[in-house]
Amino acid sequence: MSLLDTKIARLDGTPATLRDVTGGVPALLVNVASKCGLTPQYTGLEALHERYAGRGFTVVGIPCNQFGGQEPGSSEAIAEFCSATYGVTFPMTEKVDVNGSGRHPLYDALTETPDGEGRRDIQWNFEKFLVDADGAVVARFSPGVVPEDPALVKAVESVLS
């Protein structure tokens, strides 16, 4: 089974697979939170999405409330915050757990790729996974790596046709 076949609902609760959410194009998957010191990364994520969407790329926001309770809102509140505050147009999924016994199957698969320090668990909000059109994990970026980081941009460009 491909990572893209993993079932994950859209933010509005509509059943989907990751392939449905990404549109089958390369994607940057990011666990997001609305009340985090890193939340301003939404600006850069939206800019990255807008810059490369025409070349077959998307960002996918995956809300998570496991780090300091920084994503406590309902799906409706998350959608409103992202749209009104940051103008987010990229797809968002349902809120999920990224670590622990309730970890979503998507993150079971993603965390098979360790971070630069050899850790598998997600360390904080805004950890990023770049996947290609076939669903293979191409790169993993720590929460502190901003969307404008040259290494991240170069990685994105490497998966575009």
Protein backbone atom coordinates (compact mmCIF):
# COMPACT_ATOMS: atom_id res chain seq x y z
CA MET A 1 0.00 0.00 0.00
CA SER A 2 1.27 3.47 -0.89
CA LEU A 3 1.42 6.25 1.67
CA LEU A 4 -1.03 8.03 -0.63
CA ASP A 5 -3.64 5.33 0.05
CA THR A 6 -3.68 6.18 3.77
CA LYS A 7 -7.16 7.21 4.90
CA ILE A 8 -7.32 10.69 6.44
CA ALA A 9 -10.38 12.91 6.51
CA ARG A 10 -10.37 16.45 5.22
CA LEU A 11 -10.72 19.23 7.81
CA ASP A 12 -14.48 19.37 7.16
CA GLY A 13 -14.73 15.66 8.04
CA THR A 14 -15.15 14.40 4.48
CA PRO A 15 -13.56 10.94 4.18
CA ALA A 16 -10.50 10.90 1.95
CA THR A 17 -7.13 9.36 1.30
CA LEU A 18 -3.89 11.28 1.28
CA ARG A 19 -3.96 11.00 -2.53
CA ASP A 20 -7.36 12.74 -2.53
CA VAL A 21 -6.04 15.51 -0.28
CA THR A 22 -2.81 16.09 -2.23
CA GLY A 23 -4.37 15.64 -5.65
CA GLY A 24 -1.65 13.07 -6.38
CA VAL A 25 1.08 15.70 -6.68
CA PRO A 26 4.24 16.17 -4.61
CA ALA A 27 3.37 17.68 -1.23
CA LEU A 28 4.84 19.15 1.92
CA LEU A 29 2.98 17.58 4.86
CA VAL A 30 3.11 19.75 7.98
CA ASN A 31 1.65 19.15 11.44
CA VAL A 32 0.23 22.57 12.30
CA ALA A 33 -1.13 24.44 15.31
CA SER A 34 -2.90 27.78 15.67
CA LYS A 35 -1.49 28.88 19.03
CA CYS A 36 2.21 28.08 18.66
CA GLY A 37 5.22 30.35 18.46
CA LEU A 38 5.82 28.80 15.02
CA THR A 39 2.30 29.53 13.77
CA PRO A 40 3.54 32.48 11.65
CA GLN A 41 5.08 29.79 9.38
CA TYR A 42 1.60 29.63 7.85
CA THR A 43 2.58 32.75 5.87
CA GLY A 44 5.58 31.01 4.32
CA LEU A 45 3.68 27.76 3.79
CA GLU A 46 0.96 29.60 1.88
CA ALA A 47 3.58 31.44 -0.19
CA LEU A 48 5.31 28.14 -1.00
CA HIS A 49 1.97 26.61 -1.98
CA GLU A 50 1.09 29.57 -4.22
CA ARG A 51 4.57 29.66 -5.78
CA TYR A 52 4.59 26.01 -6.85
CA ALA A 53 0.91 24.99 -7.18
CA GLY A 54 1.01 25.71 -10.90
CA ARG A 55 3.90 23.27 -11.24
CA GLY A 56 2.05 20.42 -9.54
CA PHE A 57 2.77 20.89 -5.83
CA THR A 58 0.76 21.44 -2.67
CA VAL A 59 1.22 22.01 1.01
CA VAL A 60 -1.04 20.00 3.34
CA GLY A 61 -1.73 21.21 6.87
CA ILE A 62 -2.37 18.47 9.42
CA PRO A 63 -3.63 19.95 12.70
CA CYS A 64 -2.35 18.38 15.91
CA ASN A 65 -3.03 19.28 19.55
CA GLN A 66 -0.31 17.13 21.14
CA PHE A 67 2.25 19.85 21.81
CA GLY A 68 1.23 22.16 24.65
CA GLY A 69 -2.45 22.02 23.66
CA GLN A 70 -1.70 24.54 20.93
CA GLU A 71 -4.46 23.40 18.53
CA PRO A 72 -7.48 23.14 20.84
CA GLY A 73 -10.17 24.39 18.46
CA SER A 74 -12.80 22.61 16.43
CA SER A 75 -12.35 21.98 12.73
CA GLU A 76 -14.49 25.04 12.04
CA ALA A 77 -12.36 27.22 14.33
CA ILE A 78 -9.15 25.96 12.71
CA ALA A 79 -10.49 26.65 9.21
CA GLU A 80 -11.64 30.14 10.16
CA PHE A 81 -8.34 31.00 11.89
CA CYS A 82 -6.21 29.80 8.99
CA SER A 83 -8.30 31.56 6.37
CA ALA A 84 -8.86 34.84 8.20
CA THR A 85 -5.42 35.21 9.77
CA TYR A 86 -3.10 33.74 7.14
CA GLY A 87 -5.16 33.46 3.95
CA VAL A 88 -4.51 29.72 3.80
CA THR A 89 -5.77 28.11 0.61
CA PHE A 90 -3.87 24.81 0.78
CA PRO A 91 -5.73 21.69 1.91
CA MET A 92 -6.06 20.79 5.56
CA THR A 93 -6.91 17.45 7.13
CA GLU A 94 -8.69 16.42 10.26
CA LYS A 95 -6.88 16.94 13.57
CA VAL A 96 -4.73 13.89 14.38
CA ASP A 97 -2.20 12.59 16.88
CA VAL A 98 1.32 12.37 15.46
CA ASN A 99 2.94 10.52 18.38
CA GLY A 100 2.00 7.91 20.95
CA SER A 101 -0.40 5.01 21.01
CA GLY A 102 -3.07 6.99 19.14
CA ARG A 103 -0.70 8.07 16.36
CA HIS A 104 -2.51 8.34 13.05
CA PRO A 105 -1.45 5.68 10.50
CA LEU A 106 -0.13 8.47 8.24
CA TYR A 107 2.41 9.36 10.92
CA ASP A 108 3.21 5.69 11.55
CA ALA A 109 4.44 5.69 7.95
CA LEU A 110 6.02 9.15 7.87
CA THR A 111 8.05 8.62 11.03
CA GLU A 112 9.75 5.62 9.47
CA THR A 113 12.00 8.37 8.07
CA PRO A 114 14.03 9.62 11.05
CA ASP A 115 14.92 13.25 11.53
CA GLY A 116 18.48 14.55 11.25
CA GLU A 117 19.20 13.40 14.80
CA GLY A 118 17.94 9.85 14.22
CA ARG A 119 14.65 10.41 16.08
CA ARG A 120 11.44 9.03 14.68
CA ASP A 121 8.86 10.79 16.87
CA ILE A 122 7.65 14.24 15.90
CA GLN A 123 9.41 16.80 18.08
CA TRP A 124 7.01 19.76 17.86
CA ASN A 125 4.47 21.57 15.71
CA PHE A 126 5.44 22.43 12.12
CA GLU A 127 7.64 19.42 11.44
CA LYS A 128 7.63 18.92 7.67
CA PHE A 129 7.74 15.90 5.36
CA LEU A 130 8.24 16.30 1.63
CA VAL A 131 6.68 13.46 -0.36
CA ASP A 132 6.89 12.91 -4.09
CA ALA A 133 3.98 12.16 -6.42
CA ASP A 134 4.30 8.44 -5.63
CA GLY A 135 4.09 9.06 -1.88
CA ALA A 136 7.75 8.37 -1.09
CA VAL A 137 9.23 10.52 1.66
CA VAL A 138 11.97 12.60 0.04
CA ALA A 139 12.99 14.78 2.99
CA ARG A 140 12.11 15.61 6.58
CA PHE A 141 12.57 19.08 8.05
CA SER A 142 12.57 20.08 11.71
CA PRO A 143 10.00 22.55 13.05
CA GLY A 144 12.54 25.38 13.06
CA VAL A 145 13.19 25.08 9.32
CA VAL A 146 11.07 27.84 7.80
CA PRO A 147 9.30 27.34 4.46
CA GLU A 148 11.63 29.90 2.84
CA ASP A 149 14.76 27.97 3.84
CA PRO A 150 16.90 27.44 0.72
CA ALA A 151 17.37 23.72 1.47
CA LEU A 152 13.63 23.19 1.74
CA VAL A 153 12.93 25.18 -1.45
CA LYS A 154 15.62 23.21 -3.29
CA ALA A 155 14.09 19.93 -2.10
CA VAL A 156 10.64 21.05 -3.30
CA GLU A 157 12.03 22.01 -6.69
CA SER A 158 13.74 18.61 -6.97
CA VAL A 159 10.38 16.77 -6.90
CA LEU A 160 8.66 18.96 -9.47
CA SER A 161 8.38 17.88 -13.09
